[in-house]
Amino acid sequence: MAKAAKTAIKKDPKLAAEAKNYTKVIKTVRSPKTGAYTFKEAIIHKEKVKDFLANGK
């Protein structure tokens, strides 16, 4: 079942509009030592997604 949105976002339309500009990005990263995969997660602005995937920072 989905979680309800935060009440602050529901009450303030400016916050709701700004929240839509962010996205959660998950990138797989392979460890050079063991060869196992790990995941890097970040919530970043939608304009910086390509930079995150290219650099991983």
PDB file of N, CA and C in Angstrom:
ATOM      1  N   MET A   1       0.845  -1.171   0.000  1.00  0.00           N
ATOM      2  CA  MET A   1       0.000   0.000   0.000  1.00  0.00           C
ATOM      3  C   MET A   1       0.891   1.234   0.000  1.00  0.00           C
ATOM      4  N   ALA A   2       0.554   2.216  -0.781  1.00  0.00           N
ATOM      5  CA  ALA A   2       1.361   3.422  -0.928  1.00  0.00           C
ATOM      6  C   ALA A   2       1.268   4.297   0.316  1.00  0.00           C
ATOM      7  N   LYS A   3       2.366   4.995   0.580  1.00  0.00           N
ATOM      8  CA  LYS A   3       2.402   5.919   1.704  1.00  0.00           C
ATOM      9  C   LYS A   3       1.769   7.247   1.297  1.00  0.00           C
ATOM     10  N   ALA A   4       1.185   7.913   2.254  1.00  0.00           N
ATOM     11  CA  ALA A   4       0.576   9.218   2.002  1.00  0.00           C
ATOM     12  C   ALA A   4       1.665  10.277   1.894  1.00  0.00           C
ATOM     13  N   ALA A   5       1.432  11.290   1.100  1.00  0.00           N
ATOM     14  CA  ALA A   5       2.374  12.387   0.947  1.00  0.00           C
ATOM     15  C   ALA A   5       2.441  13.187   2.239  1.00  0.00           C
ATOM     16  N   LYS A   6       3.530  13.858   2.425  1.00  0.00           N
ATOM     17  CA  LYS A   6       3.692  14.696   3.613  1.00  0.00           C
ATOM     18  C   LYS A   6       2.669  15.823   3.613  1.00  0.00           C
ATOM     19  N   THR A   7       2.173  16.164   4.770  1.00  0.00           N
ATOM     20  CA  THR A   7       1.130  17.179   4.866  1.00  0.00           C
ATOM     21  C   THR A   7       1.631  18.560   4.470  1.00  0.00           C
ATOM     22  N   ALA A   8       2.907  18.858   4.686  1.00  0.00           N
ATOM     23  CA  ALA A   8       3.439  20.164   4.315  1.00  0.00           C
ATOM     24  C   ALA A   8       3.385  20.359   2.804  1.00  0.00           C
ATOM     25  N   ILE A   9       3.644  19.305   2.056  1.00  0.00           N
ATOM     26  CA  ILE A   9       3.606  19.399   0.604  1.00  0.00           C
ATOM     27  C   ILE A   9       2.164  19.564   0.134  1.00  0.00           C
ATOM     28  N   LYS A  10       1.239  18.906   0.793  1.00  0.00           N
ATOM     29  CA  LYS A  10      -0.163  19.020   0.409  1.00  0.00           C
ATOM     30  C   LYS A  10      -0.688  20.440   0.629  1.00  0.00           C
ATOM     31  N   LYS A  11      -0.231  21.093   1.687  1.00  0.00           N
ATOM     32  CA  LYS A  11      -0.754  22.413   2.046  1.00  0.00           C
ATOM     33  C   LYS A  11      -0.128  23.538   1.235  1.00  0.00           C
ATOM     34  N   ASP A  12       1.131  23.388   0.835  1.00  0.00           N
ATOM     35  CA  ASP A  12       1.830  24.468   0.132  1.00  0.00           C
ATOM     36  C   ASP A  12       2.096  24.063  -1.318  1.00  0.00           C
ATOM     37  N   PRO A  13       1.412  24.654  -2.279  1.00  0.00           N
ATOM     38  CA  PRO A  13       1.606  24.269  -3.680  1.00  0.00           C
ATOM     39  C   PRO A  13       2.998  24.572  -4.216  1.00  0.00           C
ATOM     40  N   LYS A  14       3.685  25.567  -3.637  1.00  0.00           N
ATOM     41  CA  LYS A  14       5.056  25.867  -4.077  1.00  0.00           C
ATOM     42  C   LYS A  14       5.993  24.726  -3.721  1.00  0.00           C
ATOM     43  N   LEU A  15       5.834  24.154  -2.530  1.00  0.00           N
ATOM     44  CA  LEU A  15       6.658  23.021  -2.134  1.00  0.00           C
ATOM     45  C   LEU A  15       6.372  21.799  -2.997  1.00  0.00           C
ATOM     46  N   ALA A  16       5.127  21.600  -3.338  1.00  0.00           N
ATOM     47  CA  ALA A  16       4.758  20.471  -4.180  1.00  0.00           C
ATOM     48  C   ALA A  16       5.375  20.609  -5.564  1.00  0.00           C
ATOM     49  N   ALA A  17       5.374  21.803  -6.107  1.00  0.00           N
ATOM     50  CA  ALA A  17       5.962  22.029  -7.422  1.00  0.00           C
ATOM     51  C   ALA A  17       7.473  21.829  -7.384  1.00  0.00           C
ATOM     52  N   GLU A  18       8.112  22.269  -6.325  1.00  0.00           N
ATOM     53  CA  GLU A  18       9.565  22.108  -6.209  1.00  0.00           C
ATOM     54  C   GLU A  18       9.942  20.645  -5.987  1.00  0.00           C
ATOM     55  N   ALA A  19       9.144  19.903  -5.270  1.00  0.00           N
ATOM     56  CA  ALA A  19       9.429  18.493  -5.002  1.00  0.00           C
ATOM     57  C   ALA A  19       9.404  17.668  -6.279  1.00  0.00           C
ATOM     58  N   LYS A  20       8.637  18.085  -7.253  1.00  0.00           N
ATOM     59  CA  LYS A  20       8.567  17.353  -8.520  1.00  0.00           C
ATOM     60  C   LYS A  20       9.835  17.502  -9.343  1.00  0.00           C
ATOM     61  N   ASN A  21      10.707  18.423  -8.983  1.00  0.00           N
ATOM     62  CA  ASN A  21      11.957  18.623  -9.704  1.00  0.00           C
ATOM     63  C   ASN A  21      13.067  17.683  -9.238  1.00  0.00           C
ATOM     64  N   TYR A  22      12.814  16.902  -8.218  1.00  0.00           N
ATOM     65  CA  TYR A  22      13.820  15.982  -7.685  1.00  0.00           C
ATOM     66  C   TYR A  22      13.436  14.544  -7.999  1.00  0.00           C
ATOM     67  N   THR A  23      14.458  13.707  -8.152  1.00  0.00           N
ATOM     68  CA  THR A  23      14.225  12.309  -8.455  1.00  0.00           C
ATOM     69  C   THR A  23      15.231  11.437  -7.713  1.00  0.00           C
ATOM     70  N   LYS A  24      14.858  10.206  -7.466  1.00  0.00           N
ATOM     71  CA  LYS A  24      15.746   9.264  -6.810  1.00  0.00           C
ATOM     72  C   LYS A  24      16.472   8.474  -7.884  1.00  0.00           C
ATOM     73  N   VAL A  25      17.799   8.437  -7.793  1.00  0.00           N
ATOM     74  CA  VAL A  25      18.626   7.748  -8.777  1.00  0.00           C
ATOM     75  C   VAL A  25      19.391   6.642  -8.066  1.00  0.00           C
ATOM     76  N   ILE A  26      19.389   5.465  -8.673  1.00  0.00           N
ATOM     77  CA  ILE A  26      20.120   4.319  -8.130  1.00  0.00           C
ATOM     78  C   ILE A  26      21.108   3.859  -9.185  1.00  0.00           C
ATOM     79  N   LYS A  27      22.387   3.759  -8.804  1.00  0.00           N
ATOM     80  CA  LYS A  27      23.440   3.376  -9.733  1.00  0.00           C
ATOM     81  C   LYS A  27      24.167   2.151  -9.186  1.00  0.00           C
ATOM     82  N   THR A  28      24.407   1.167 -10.052  1.00  0.00           N
ATOM     83  CA  THR A  28      25.186   0.005  -9.630  1.00  0.00           C
ATOM     84  C   THR A  28      26.663   0.306  -9.813  1.00  0.00           C
ATOM     85  N   VAL A  29      27.452  -0.091  -8.826  1.00  0.00           N
ATOM     86  CA  VAL A  29      28.885   0.143  -8.849  1.00  0.00           C
ATOM     87  C   VAL A  29      29.567  -1.182  -8.523  1.00  0.00           C
ATOM     88  N   ARG A  30      30.545  -1.552  -9.322  1.00  0.00           N
ATOM     89  CA  ARG A  30      31.262  -2.805  -9.099  1.00  0.00           C
ATOM     90  C   ARG A  30      32.518  -2.536  -8.285  1.00  0.00           C
ATOM     91  N   SER A  31      32.713  -3.322  -7.247  1.00  0.00           N
ATOM     92  CA  SER A  31      33.877  -3.171  -6.389  1.00  0.00           C
ATOM     93  C   SER A  31      35.110  -3.726  -7.104  1.00  0.00           C
ATOM     94  N   PRO A  32      36.184  -2.939  -7.184  1.00  0.00           N
ATOM     95  CA  PRO A  32      37.389  -3.440  -7.858  1.00  0.00           C
ATOM     96  C   PRO A  32      38.093  -4.542  -7.059  1.00  0.00           C
ATOM     97  N   LYS A  33      37.871  -4.563  -5.763  1.00  0.00           N
ATOM     98  CA  LYS A  33      38.539  -5.534  -4.906  1.00  0.00           C
ATOM     99  C   LYS A  33      37.882  -6.912  -4.970  1.00  0.00           C
ATOM    100  N   THR A  34      36.565  -6.962  -4.790  1.00  0.00           N
ATOM    101  CA  THR A  34      35.865  -8.240  -4.717  1.00  0.00           C
ATOM    102  C   THR A  34      35.071  -8.579  -5.969  1.00  0.00           C
ATOM    103  N   GLY A  35      34.757  -7.583  -6.776  1.00  0.00           N
ATOM    104  CA  GLY A  35      33.943  -7.809  -7.964  1.00  0.00           C
ATOM    105  C   GLY A  35      32.455  -7.813  -7.678  1.00  0.00           C
ATOM    106  N   ALA A  36      32.072  -7.621  -6.429  1.00  0.00           N
ATOM    107  CA  ALA A  36      30.654  -7.598  -6.060  1.00  0.00           C
ATOM    108  C   ALA A  36      30.047  -6.245  -6.429  1.00  0.00           C
ATOM    109  N   TYR A  37      28.759  -6.262  -6.682  1.00  0.00           N
ATOM    110  CA  TYR A  37      28.048  -5.033  -7.015  1.00  0.00           C
ATOM    111  C   TYR A  37      27.447  -4.407  -5.760  1.00  0.00           C
ATOM    112  N   THR A  38      27.522  -3.086  -5.707  1.00  0.00           N
ATOM    113  CA  THR A  38      26.854  -2.320  -4.662  1.00  0.00           C
ATOM    114  C   THR A  38      26.010  -1.258  -5.349  1.00  0.00           C
ATOM    115  N   PHE A  39      25.183  -0.598  -4.586  1.00  0.00           N
ATOM    116  CA  PHE A  39      24.291   0.394  -5.149  1.00  0.00           C
ATOM    117  C   PHE A  39      24.508   1.734  -4.470  1.00  0.00           C
ATOM    118  N   LYS A  40      24.590   2.790  -5.267  1.00  0.00           N
ATOM    119  CA  LYS A  40      24.640   4.153  -4.753  1.00  0.00           C
ATOM    120  C   LYS A  40      23.290   4.779  -5.024  1.00  0.00           C
ATOM    121  N   GLU A  41      22.692   5.346  -3.985  1.00  0.00           N
ATOM    122  CA  GLU A  41      21.390   5.985  -4.109  1.00  0.00           C
ATOM    123  C   GLU A  41      21.524   7.458  -3.762  1.00  0.00           C
ATOM    124  N   ALA A  42      20.795   8.283  -4.481  1.00  0.00           N
ATOM    125  CA  ALA A  42      20.800   9.712  -4.198  1.00  0.00           C
ATOM    126  C   ALA A  42      19.489  10.319  -4.673  1.00  0.00           C
ATOM    127  N   ILE A  43      19.073  11.358  -3.998  1.00  0.00           N
ATOM    128  CA  ILE A  43      17.934  12.151  -4.433  1.00  0.00           C
ATOM    129  C   ILE A  43      18.514  13.472  -4.908  1.00  0.00           C
ATOM    130  N   ILE A  44      18.409  13.692  -6.218  1.00  0.00           N
ATOM    131  CA  ILE A  44      19.060  14.844  -6.823  1.00  0.00           C
ATOM    132  C   ILE A  44      18.086  15.576  -7.745  1.00  0.00           C
ATOM    133  N   HIS A  45      18.470  16.782  -8.130  1.00  0.00           N
ATOM    134  CA  HIS A  45      17.660  17.574  -9.049  1.00  0.00           C
ATOM    135  C   HIS A  45      17.661  16.892 -10.411  1.00  0.00           C
ATOM    136  N   LYS A  46      16.552  16.964 -11.114  1.00  0.00           N
ATOM    137  CA  LYS A  46      16.392  16.230 -12.367  1.00  0.00           C
ATOM    138  C   LYS A  46      17.362  16.687 -13.452  1.00  0.00           C
ATOM    139  N   GLU A  47      17.898  17.884 -13.350  1.00  0.00           N
ATOM    140  CA  GLU A  47      18.848  18.369 -14.343  1.00  0.00           C
ATOM    141  C   GLU A  47      20.255  17.800 -14.130  1.00  0.00           C
ATOM    142  N   LYS A  48      20.527  17.220 -12.966  1.00  0.00           N
ATOM    143  CA  LYS A  48      21.863  16.714 -12.661  1.00  0.00           C
ATOM    144  C   LYS A  48      21.949  15.190 -12.699  1.00  0.00           C
ATOM    145  N   VAL A  49      20.936  14.525 -13.255  1.00  0.00           N
ATOM    146  CA  VAL A  49      20.922  13.069 -13.297  1.00  0.00           C
ATOM    147  C   VAL A  49      22.049  12.526 -14.157  1.00  0.00           C
ATOM    148  N   LYS A  50      22.260  13.109 -15.328  1.00  0.00           N
ATOM    149  CA  LYS A  50      23.316  12.622 -16.223  1.00  0.00           C
ATOM    150  C   LYS A  50      24.700  12.778 -15.604  1.00  0.00           C
ATOM    151  N   ASP A  51      24.917  13.869 -14.874  1.00  0.00           N
ATOM    152  CA  ASP A  51      26.197  14.074 -14.206  1.00  0.00           C
ATOM    153  C   ASP A  51      26.418  13.012 -13.137  1.00  0.00           C
ATOM    154  N   PHE A  52      25.374  12.689 -12.378  1.00  0.00           N
ATOM    155  CA  PHE A  52      25.495  11.671 -11.335  1.00  0.00           C
ATOM    156  C   PHE A  52      25.819  10.305 -11.938  1.00  0.00           C
ATOM    157  N   LEU A  53      25.157   9.952 -13.018  1.00  0.00           N
ATOM    158  CA  LEU A  53      25.401   8.655 -13.632  1.00  0.00           C
ATOM    159  C   LEU A  53      26.777   8.583 -14.282  1.00  0.00           C
ATOM    160  N   ALA A  54      27.272   9.704 -14.781  1.00  0.00           N
ATOM    161  CA  ALA A  54      28.596   9.723 -15.403  1.00  0.00           C
ATOM    162  C   ALA A  54      29.705   9.675 -14.361  1.00  0.00           C
ATOM    163  N   ASN A  55      29.560  10.440 -13.271  1.00  0.00           N
ATOM    164  CA  ASN A  55      30.615  10.559 -12.266  1.00  0.00           C
ATOM    165  C   ASN A  55      30.404   9.661 -11.063  1.00  0.00           C
ATOM    166  N   GLY A  56      29.166   9.455 -10.678  1.00  0.00           N
ATOM    167  CA  GLY A  56      28.872   8.677  -9.493  1.00  0.00           C
ATOM    168  C   GLY A  56      28.950   9.480  -8.211  1.00  0.00           C
ATOM    169  N   LYS A  57      29.105  10.787  -8.301  1.00  0.00           N
ATOM    170  CA  LYS A  57      29.207  11.625  -7.110  1.00  0.00           C
ATOM    171  C   LYS A  57      27.924  12.317  -6.824  1.00  0.00           C
TER     172      LYS A  57
END
